[in-house]
Amino acid sequence: MSSSESDHEQDDNQEEEFTLEGLEAWQSLGVCDEVAQTCVDLKWSKPTPIQQKSIPIAIEGKDVIGLAETGSGKTAAFAIPVLQTLLKTPGGGRLSCLVMTPTRELAFQIREQFQALGSSIGLSCACIVGGIEMMSQQLALAKKPHVIVATPGRLVDHLEKTRGFNLKALKFLIMDEADRILNLDFEAEVDKILRAIPRERQTMLFSATMTAKVKKLQRAALKNPVKISINSKYKTVDKNIQKYMFIPEAHKECYLVSLLNELQGSSFMIFTSTCAKTSLIARLVKRLGYDSVPLHGQMSQQKRLGALARFKGKSRSILVCTDVASRGLDVPHVDCVINYDVPTNTKDYIHRVGRTARAGRAGKSVTFVSQYDVELYQKIEAHIGKKLDQWPCEKDEVMALKERVDEAKRIAVQEIKEEEGKRKSKKKRQFDEEQSIKDRIGKVKHKKRRK
């Protein structure tokens, strides 16, 4: 029977008011006293709508497809049932749960939430992602953690290369941001992982957005899943004030600096379309006195985590990033999201603006629309079902910044070129040294053969 035929659907568009709070609220969902107390200690006064609907079903052992707006508490919705099951498992349930995510940053964040929830019960959790050497991860896996949070590519590496590691004892498969994991980007890896885990397991898929492509859900081998939908398919948070600015492409940097000046004192995430543009904008605004930090896929994992830590720790108020930071990251203090470049995918827009106005807080998002972006922007408005208001700005005030912005951009471009030149020189030196060593070894072997 296909998953589409067997789905039970729960739509929460007519949700009832949930009045319980504190320990009683969590216990009413079937959460045991120990885990419920941890939720209260974490200052979670009552469950969010996705948690209210999905936790009781997951505790019953049923497969779940959970759709809810970003920032709605999806991580706790799958972590709490897992912890409750582990508490009741004789022997501790080692290697019981696999959580797959599309990005490294989201993987680290989910591990943090599991550790916070499981701190009182001695939960062990390993994070298995690319960009980090495999030896330390092999040691972590050898300890047989209760929960593995992983990106698909690196997990497959370990399944194929790490001696003694397997997932034959797995009880839970969880896919967060499931729409991207089930996407063709990860198709080969997901297929290998599904072949390596038991058929008898509980599977949960959670995302802010998910297409209705049944084949992708069937590939995840769900059994009679309960589909829980909180709000409509392309819903954004009501407390997020979304606006746009219609601006000329040639002066985008000036309009950006003008907006940063206008909202001075706020915390920003600025989304760009490329790694190169991320680096440039981060340097440009830094030259103008803003404490910015870049985050993109061409940075080493150590630098990416460092940048995220500085932004989360509030030592930097501006994070300039690509869509690597658009999904799942929970940074509560983001006041404003700026779409410096209009996302080409409607779902990416929802995830980007979902970085602000999280967990009931207010926030704002501004999308820069140039003469080349009108069609993309109109698609976004059509999908979210609302016409956005224009952000007011005075052109003369913006253009008064042009000289300073152009100079900052010139210096930023020069710095990037110089650094790129140094990197190339270093690579050439390393290559020349390696060739020199190979030549010397070759000469020694040649002499030995002559003798």
Protein backbone atom coordinates (compact mmCIF):
# COMPACT_ATOMS: atom_id res chain seq x y z
CA MET A 1 0.00 0.00 0.00
CA SER A 2 1.48 3.36 -0.94
CA SER A 3 1.95 6.12 1.59
CA SER A 4 -0.44 8.38 -0.31
CA GLU A 5 -3.26 5.84 0.02
CA SER A 6 -2.74 5.19 3.69
CA ASP A 7 -2.15 8.74 4.99
CA HIS A 8 -4.31 9.91 7.87
CA GLU A 9 -4.45 13.70 7.71
CA GLN A 10 -4.77 16.19 10.52
CA ASP A 11 -5.14 19.80 9.42
CA ASP A 12 -4.80 22.40 12.13
CA ASN A 13 -6.40 25.34 10.37
CA GLN A 14 -9.29 25.15 12.85
CA GLU A 15 -7.15 24.43 15.90
CA GLU A 16 -8.66 24.50 19.38
CA GLU A 17 -7.20 26.77 22.02
CA PHE A 18 -4.63 24.91 24.13
CA THR A 19 -5.05 26.31 27.63
CA LEU A 20 -2.79 24.10 29.75
CA GLU A 21 0.66 25.32 30.79
CA GLY A 22 3.74 24.02 32.57
CA LEU A 23 4.18 20.38 33.61
CA GLU A 24 0.49 19.59 33.11
CA ALA A 25 0.60 20.77 29.48
CA TRP A 26 3.37 18.34 28.52
CA GLN A 27 1.93 15.47 30.56
CA SER A 28 -1.42 15.89 28.76
CA LEU A 29 0.36 14.84 25.51
CA GLY A 30 1.52 11.59 27.08
CA VAL A 31 5.02 12.85 27.89
CA CYS A 32 6.48 11.12 30.95
CA ASP A 33 7.22 13.12 34.11
CA GLU A 34 11.00 13.17 33.65
CA VAL A 35 10.96 14.54 30.08
CA ALA A 36 8.05 16.91 30.89
CA GLN A 37 10.07 18.40 33.77
CA THR A 38 13.06 18.94 31.44
CA CYS A 39 10.78 20.86 29.02
CA VAL A 40 9.63 23.10 31.89
CA ASP A 41 13.25 23.61 33.02
CA LEU A 42 14.09 24.72 29.46
CA LYS A 43 11.40 27.45 29.87
CA TRP A 44 9.03 25.82 27.37
CA SER A 45 5.81 26.83 29.09
CA LYS A 46 3.52 24.94 26.72
CA PRO A 47 3.75 22.88 23.52
CA THR A 48 3.53 24.59 20.13
CA PRO A 49 0.76 23.47 17.72
CA ILE A 50 3.02 21.03 15.83
CA GLN A 51 4.14 19.53 19.14
CA GLN A 52 0.55 19.26 20.41
CA LYS A 53 -0.51 17.30 17.32
CA SER A 54 2.54 15.16 16.59
CA ILE A 55 3.96 14.13 20.00
CA PRO A 56 1.00 11.92 21.09
CA ILE A 57 0.96 10.18 17.69
CA ALA A 58 4.74 9.63 17.67
CA ILE A 59 4.64 8.29 21.26
CA GLU A 60 2.11 5.69 20.03
CA GLY A 61 4.78 4.51 17.59
CA LYS A 62 3.13 5.70 14.37
CA ASP A 63 4.97 7.19 11.40
CA VAL A 64 4.55 10.96 11.09
CA ILE A 65 4.75 13.55 8.32
CA GLY A 66 4.80 16.95 10.06
CA LEU A 67 4.37 20.18 8.12
CA ALA A 68 4.63 23.44 10.03
CA GLU A 69 5.98 26.93 9.58
CA THR A 70 9.64 27.43 10.36
CA GLY A 71 10.34 28.37 13.99
CA SER A 72 7.41 26.32 15.26
CA GLY A 73 9.31 23.80 17.38
CA LYS A 74 9.65 20.85 14.99
CA THR A 75 12.90 19.60 16.57
CA ALA A 76 11.32 19.04 20.00
CA ALA A 77 8.32 17.44 18.25
CA PHE A 78 10.49 14.51 17.17
CA ALA A 79 13.13 14.59 19.95
CA ILE A 80 10.67 14.18 22.85
CA PRO A 81 9.10 10.89 21.61
CA VAL A 82 12.59 9.49 20.92
CA LEU A 83 13.79 10.34 24.45
CA GLN A 84 10.68 8.85 26.00
CA THR A 85 11.22 5.57 24.13
CA LEU A 86 14.92 5.47 25.10
CA LEU A 87 13.97 5.88 28.78
CA LYS A 88 11.84 2.75 28.55
CA THR A 89 14.41 0.74 26.55
CA PRO A 90 16.35 -1.90 28.55
CA GLY A 91 20.08 -1.49 28.01
CA GLY A 92 19.85 2.13 26.95
CA GLY A 93 18.99 1.78 23.25
CA ARG A 94 22.42 2.39 21.72
CA LEU A 95 22.43 3.49 18.04
CA SER A 96 18.63 3.72 18.23
CA CYS A 97 17.96 6.98 16.41
CA LEU A 98 19.22 8.55 13.19
CA VAL A 99 18.36 12.16 12.39
CA MET A 100 19.23 13.23 8.84
CA THR A 101 19.52 16.90 7.88
CA PRO A 102 20.52 18.66 4.64
CA THR A 103 23.07 21.06 6.22
CA ARG A 104 25.93 20.81 8.69
CA GLU A 105 24.83 23.84 10.73
CA LEU A 106 21.36 22.40 11.26
CA ALA A 107 22.92 19.08 12.34
CA PHE A 108 24.93 20.78 15.10
CA GLN A 109 21.86 22.68 16.25
CA ILE A 110 19.72 19.52 16.47
CA ARG A 111 22.46 17.82 18.48
CA GLU A 112 22.39 20.75 20.92
CA GLN A 113 18.62 20.35 21.38
CA PHE A 114 18.90 16.60 21.97
CA GLN A 115 21.67 17.20 24.51
CA ALA A 116 19.61 19.85 26.31
CA LEU A 117 16.55 17.59 26.48
CA GLY A 118 18.55 14.48 27.39
CA SER A 119 20.94 16.05 29.90
CA SER A 120 19.13 14.54 32.90
CA ILE A 121 19.06 10.98 31.51
CA GLY A 122 22.64 10.67 30.26
CA LEU A 123 21.82 10.83 26.56
CA SER A 124 24.79 10.49 24.19
CA CYS A 125 24.61 12.10 20.77
CA ALA A 126 27.10 12.18 17.87
CA CYS A 127 27.15 14.70 15.02
CA ILE A 128 28.42 13.20 11.75
CA VAL A 129 28.94 15.82 9.03
CA GLY A 130 31.41 16.66 6.27
CA GLY A 131 34.23 19.17 6.70
CA ILE A 132 35.54 17.42 9.83
CA GLU A 133 38.17 14.66 9.75
CA MET A 134 36.71 11.15 9.97
CA MET A 135 38.94 9.76 12.73
CA SER A 136 37.28 11.74 15.56
CA GLN A 137 33.87 10.77 14.19
CA GLN A 138 34.88 7.10 14.05
CA LEU A 139 35.84 7.29 17.74
CA ALA A 140 32.46 8.87 18.55
CA LEU A 141 30.61 6.13 16.64
CA ALA A 142 32.65 3.41 18.35
CA LYS A 143 31.11 4.55 21.67
CA LYS A 144 27.67 3.66 20.21
CA PRO A 145 25.75 6.89 20.94
CA HIS A 146 21.98 6.78 21.44
CA VAL A 147 21.38 9.37 18.71
CA ILE A 148 23.27 10.12 15.49
CA VAL A 149 22.61 13.44 13.76
CA ALA A 150 24.11 13.36 10.28
CA THR A 151 24.22 14.76 6.79
CA PRO A 152 23.60 11.96 4.24
CA GLY A 153 26.95 12.11 2.39
CA ARG A 154 29.20 11.74 5.42
CA LEU A 155 26.98 9.05 6.96
CA VAL A 156 27.34 6.95 3.79
CA ASP A 157 31.14 7.40 4.02
CA HIS A 158 31.10 5.85 7.50
CA LEU A 159 28.72 3.04 6.53
CA GLU A 160 31.12 2.09 3.73
CA LYS A 161 34.50 2.73 5.39
CA THR A 162 34.21 2.59 9.21
CA ARG A 163 34.86 -0.94 10.38
CA GLY A 164 32.26 -2.33 12.78
CA PHE A 165 29.77 0.50 12.29
CA ASN A 166 26.25 -0.35 11.20
CA LEU A 167 22.68 0.76 11.86
CA LYS A 168 21.07 -2.66 12.31
CA ALA A 169 19.73 -1.71 15.77
CA LEU A 170 18.01 1.46 14.51
CA LYS A 171 14.53 2.14 15.89
CA PHE A 172 13.93 5.70 14.63
CA LEU A 173 14.62 7.38 11.28
CA ILE A 174 13.97 11.12 11.31
CA MET A 175 14.38 13.48 8.37
CA ASP A 176 14.38 17.17 9.26
CA GLU A 177 13.89 19.56 6.35
CA ALA A 178 12.62 16.44 4.62
CA ASP A 179 11.73 18.17 1.36
CA ARG A 180 15.41 18.80 0.64
CA ILE A 181 16.62 15.43 1.91
CA LEU A 182 14.10 13.66 -0.32
CA ASN A 183 15.23 15.86 -3.18
CA LEU A 184 17.38 14.41 -5.95
CA ASP A 185 20.43 16.19 -4.47
CA PHE A 186 20.62 13.36 -1.92
CA GLU A 187 18.82 10.59 -3.79
CA ALA A 188 21.77 8.17 -4.09
CA GLU A 189 22.86 8.67 -0.46
CA VAL A 190 19.33 8.30 0.93
CA ASP A 191 18.80 5.09 -1.05
CA LYS A 192 22.04 3.61 0.37
CA ILE A 193 21.06 4.58 3.93
CA LEU A 194 17.55 3.12 3.57
CA ARG A 195 19.08 -0.17 2.41
CA ALA A 196 21.37 -0.21 5.48
CA ILE A 197 18.67 0.25 8.15
CA PRO A 198 15.95 -2.13 9.38
CA ARG A 199 12.55 -2.11 7.70
CA GLU A 200 10.91 -2.37 11.11
CA ARG A 201 11.38 1.15 12.44
CA GLN A 202 9.46 4.34 13.15
CA THR A 203 9.94 7.07 10.53
CA MET A 204 9.22 10.78 10.98
CA LEU A 205 9.52 13.48 8.32
CA PHE A 206 9.38 17.13 9.38
CA SER A 207 9.66 20.31 7.35
CA ALA A 208 8.29 23.80 6.93
CA THR A 209 7.50 22.92 3.32
CA MET A 210 7.03 19.65 1.51
CA THR A 211 5.96 18.96 -2.04
CA ALA A 212 3.18 16.47 -2.66
CA LYS A 213 5.39 14.22 -4.78
CA VAL A 214 4.29 10.81 -3.56
CA LYS A 215 7.30 8.96 -4.98
CA LYS A 216 9.65 10.86 -2.69
CA LEU A 217 7.62 9.91 0.36
CA GLN A 218 7.33 6.30 -0.77
CA ARG A 219 11.10 6.15 -1.06
CA ALA A 220 11.31 6.88 2.65
CA ALA A 221 9.20 3.72 3.22
CA LEU A 222 6.65 5.15 5.61
CA LYS A 223 3.98 2.83 6.97
CA ASN A 224 0.46 4.27 7.34
CA PRO A 225 1.84 7.73 8.17
CA VAL A 226 -0.23 10.37 9.94
CA LYS A 227 0.13 13.66 8.07
CA ILE A 228 -0.04 16.69 10.35
CA SER A 229 -0.33 20.07 8.68
CA ILE A 230 -0.17 23.22 10.80
CA ASN A 231 -1.48 26.15 8.77
CA SER A 232 -1.38 26.29 4.99
CA LYS A 233 1.31 24.92 2.69
CA TYR A 234 3.13 28.20 2.10
CA LYS A 235 2.45 29.92 5.42
CA THR A 236 4.75 32.48 6.98
CA VAL A 237 4.50 33.70 10.56
CA ASP A 238 1.93 36.45 11.20
CA LYS A 239 4.30 38.38 13.48
CA ASN A 240 6.83 38.66 10.67
CA ILE A 241 6.32 42.05 8.98
CA GLN A 242 7.31 41.33 5.36
CA LYS A 243 8.07 44.18 2.95
CA TYR A 244 9.99 44.80 -0.26
CA MET A 245 12.15 47.57 -1.72
CA PHE A 246 12.10 48.19 -5.49
CA ILE A 247 15.61 49.39 -6.29
CA PRO A 248 18.04 49.70 -9.23
CA GLU A 249 20.53 46.80 -9.41
CA ALA A 250 23.45 49.20 -9.78
CA HIS A 251 22.86 50.80 -6.36
CA LYS A 252 21.92 47.79 -4.22
CA GLU A 253 24.85 48.29 -1.84
CA CYS A 254 23.75 51.87 -1.13
CA TYR A 255 20.20 50.78 -0.33
CA LEU A 256 21.54 48.04 1.93
CA VAL A 257 23.70 50.45 3.93
CA SER A 258 20.78 52.90 4.15
CA LEU A 259 18.55 50.16 5.61
CA LEU A 260 21.24 49.11 8.10
CA ASN A 261 21.55 52.76 9.19
CA GLU A 262 17.78 53.09 9.55
CA LEU A 263 17.50 49.96 11.71
CA GLN A 264 20.70 50.55 13.66
CA GLY A 265 20.93 48.48 16.84
CA SER A 266 19.08 45.53 15.29
CA SER A 267 20.43 42.08 14.56
CA PHE A 268 20.43 41.12 10.84
CA MET A 269 20.73 38.12 8.58
CA ILE A 270 21.52 39.20 5.01
CA PHE A 271 20.97 36.51 2.35
CA THR A 272 22.88 36.60 -0.94
CA SER A 273 22.90 34.23 -3.91
CA THR A 274 26.62 33.35 -4.12
CA CYS A 275 29.62 32.69 -1.87
CA ALA A 276 31.61 35.46 -3.60
CA LYS A 277 28.87 38.02 -3.00
CA THR A 278 28.59 36.94 0.64
CA SER A 279 32.30 37.62 1.20
CA LEU A 280 32.11 40.98 -0.61
CA ILE A 281 29.04 42.30 1.25
CA ALA A 282 30.41 41.16 4.64
CA ARG A 283 33.69 43.04 3.99
CA LEU A 284 31.92 46.08 2.56
CA VAL A 285 29.65 46.66 5.57
CA LYS A 286 32.54 45.90 7.92
CA ARG A 287 34.57 48.67 6.23
CA LEU A 288 31.65 51.00 7.02
CA GLY A 289 31.78 50.21 10.74
CA TYR A 290 29.33 47.32 11.10
CA ASP A 291 30.37 44.17 12.97
CA SER A 292 29.53 41.63 10.28
CA VAL A 293 30.62 38.05 9.69
CA PRO A 294 30.18 35.86 6.56
CA LEU A 295 28.85 32.30 6.38
CA HIS A 296 28.91 30.27 3.16
CA GLY A 297 29.66 26.81 1.78
CA GLN A 298 33.24 27.53 0.65
CA MET A 299 34.39 28.28 4.20
CA SER A 300 35.96 25.47 6.24
CA GLN A 301 33.67 23.80 8.76
CA GLN A 302 35.66 25.31 11.63
CA LYS A 303 35.23 28.84 10.24
CA ARG A 304 31.52 28.26 9.58
CA LEU A 305 30.91 27.13 13.15
CA GLY A 306 33.01 30.01 14.47
CA ALA A 307 31.02 32.56 12.46
CA LEU A 308 27.73 31.09 13.66
CA ALA A 309 28.93 31.04 17.27
CA ARG A 310 29.95 34.72 17.13
CA PHE A 311 26.59 35.70 15.68
CA LYS A 312 24.63 33.58 18.17
CA GLY A 313 26.76 34.97 21.01
CA LYS A 314 25.88 38.53 19.89
CA SER A 315 29.51 39.56 19.38
CA ARG A 316 28.48 40.15 15.75
CA SER A 317 25.17 41.78 14.86
CA ILE A 318 25.17 41.00 11.11
CA LEU A 319 25.43 37.55 9.51
CA VAL A 320 25.88 37.73 5.73
CA CYS A 321 25.13 34.29 4.33
CA THR A 322 24.00 32.07 1.49
CA ASP A 323 21.07 29.65 1.75
CA VAL A 324 23.31 27.32 3.75
CA ALA A 325 21.95 29.26 6.77
CA SER A 326 18.33 29.49 5.63
CA ARG A 327 17.01 26.21 7.02
CA GLY A 328 16.31 25.28 10.59
CA LEU A 329 18.89 27.48 12.33
CA ASP A 330 17.43 28.86 15.54
CA VAL A 331 18.95 32.23 16.44
CA PRO A 332 16.24 33.82 18.62
CA HIS A 333 17.57 37.39 18.52
CA VAL A 334 17.38 37.99 14.73
CA ASP A 335 15.37 41.21 14.34
CA CYS A 336 15.47 41.54 10.57
CA VAL A 337 16.10 39.32 7.54
CA ILE A 338 17.25 41.08 4.35
CA ASN A 339 16.94 39.23 1.05
CA TYR A 340 19.74 41.07 -0.74
CA ASP A 341 19.11 38.73 -3.67
CA VAL A 342 15.62 37.39 -4.39
CA PRO A 343 15.65 33.60 -3.90
CA THR A 344 14.97 31.62 -7.08
CA ASN A 345 12.95 29.05 -5.12
CA THR A 346 9.75 30.03 -3.30
CA LYS A 347 10.43 27.57 -0.50
CA ASP A 348 13.83 29.18 0.10
CA TYR A 349 12.03 32.49 0.65
CA ILE A 350 9.86 30.92 3.38
CA HIS A 351 12.90 29.41 5.08
CA ARG A 352 14.90 32.64 4.85
CA VAL A 353 12.26 34.91 6.37
CA GLY A 354 11.63 32.20 8.96
CA ARG A 355 14.96 33.06 10.60
CA THR A 356 13.18 35.97 12.32
CA ALA A 357 9.90 36.16 14.28
CA ARG A 358 10.60 32.77 15.84
CA ALA A 359 8.75 31.13 18.74
CA GLY A 360 6.15 33.90 19.08
CA ARG A 361 8.53 36.86 18.80
CA ALA A 362 8.03 39.72 16.34
CA GLY A 363 10.40 40.41 13.46
CA LYS A 364 10.67 41.93 10.02
CA SER A 365 11.98 40.93 6.61
CA VAL A 366 12.81 43.10 3.60
CA THR A 367 13.35 41.78 0.06
CA PHE A 368 15.37 43.80 -2.45
CA VAL A 369 13.67 43.65 -5.86
CA SER A 370 15.62 45.00 -8.83
CA GLN A 371 14.41 45.45 -12.38
CA TYR A 372 15.63 41.90 -13.11
CA ASP A 373 13.78 40.23 -10.21
CA VAL A 374 10.15 41.24 -10.81
CA GLU A 375 8.99 37.87 -12.18
CA LEU A 376 10.66 35.90 -9.36
CA TYR A 377 9.19 38.23 -6.76
CA GLN A 378 5.68 37.95 -8.20
CA LYS A 379 5.93 34.14 -7.94
CA ILE A 380 6.78 34.48 -4.25
CA GLU A 381 3.78 36.73 -3.60
CA ALA A 382 1.52 34.28 -5.44
CA HIS A 383 2.73 31.33 -3.38
CA ILE A 384 2.50 32.99 0.04
CA GLY A 385 -0.90 34.39 -0.91
CA LYS A 386 -0.30 38.01 0.03
CA LYS A 387 0.81 41.30 -1.51
CA LEU A 388 3.67 42.83 0.45
CA ASP A 389 3.88 46.53 1.25
CA GLN A 390 6.80 48.60 0.01
CA TRP A 391 9.46 49.70 2.48
CA PRO A 392 9.59 53.51 2.37
CA CYS A 393 12.94 55.12 1.55
CA GLU A 394 14.15 58.47 0.25
CA LYS A 395 16.24 58.11 -2.91
CA ASP A 396 18.24 61.32 -2.26
CA GLU A 397 19.21 60.12 1.24
CA VAL A 398 20.28 56.75 -0.15
CA MET A 399 22.38 58.23 -2.96
CA ALA A 400 24.13 60.55 -0.50
CA LEU A 401 25.89 57.38 0.75
CA LYS A 402 27.20 56.45 -2.70
CA GLU A 403 30.71 57.87 -2.42
CA ARG A 404 31.42 56.16 0.93
CA VAL A 405 29.88 52.87 -0.19
CA ASP A 406 31.79 52.84 -3.51
CA GLU A 407 35.08 53.44 -1.68
CA ALA A 408 34.34 50.67 0.84
CA LYS A 409 33.48 48.33 -2.04
CA ARG A 410 36.70 49.18 -3.90
CA ILE A 411 38.80 48.35 -0.81
CA ALA A 412 36.81 45.15 -0.14
CA VAL A 413 37.33 43.95 -3.73
CA GLN A 414 41.06 44.73 -3.48
CA GLU A 415 41.38 42.80 -0.19
CA ILE A 416 39.63 39.77 -1.67
CA LYS A 417 41.94 39.83 -4.72
CA GLU A 418 45.04 40.07 -2.51
CA GLU A 419 43.89 37.16 -0.34
CA GLU A 420 43.10 35.09 -3.42
CA GLY A 421 46.57 35.84 -4.76
CA LYS A 422 48.17 34.73 -1.47
CA ARG A 423 46.15 31.50 -1.50
CA LYS A 424 47.24 30.73 -5.07
CA SER A 425 50.90 31.47 -4.22
CA LYS A 426 50.71 29.19 -1.17
CA LYS A 427 49.18 26.37 -3.25
CA LYS A 428 51.89 26.82 -5.90
CA ARG A 429 54.66 26.66 -3.26
CA GLN A 430 53.14 23.51 -1.79
CA PHE A 431 52.86 21.95 -5.25
CA ASP A 432 56.47 22.88 -6.12
CA GLU A 433 57.72 21.41 -2.80
CA GLU A 434 55.81 18.17 -3.40
CA GLN A 435 57.21 17.92 -6.94
CA SER A 436 60.72 18.57 -5.65
CA ILE A 437 60.36 15.75 -3.06
CA LYS A 438 59.02 13.38 -5.74
CA ASP A 439 61.92 14.26 -8.06
CA ARG A 440 64.49 13.59 -5.30
CA ILE A 441 62.86 10.25 -4.46
CA GLY A 442 62.87 9.35 -8.15
CA LYS A 443 66.60 10.15 -8.47
CA VAL A 444 67.45 8.01 -5.41
CA LYS A 445 65.51 5.04 -6.85
CA HIS A 446 67.24 5.52 -10.21
CA LYS A 447 70.70 5.45 -8.56
CA LYS A 448 69.83 2.27 -6.64
CA ARG A 449 68.74 0.51 -9.84
CA ARG A 450 72.03 1.52 -11.57
CA LYS A 451 74.06 -0.03 -8.76
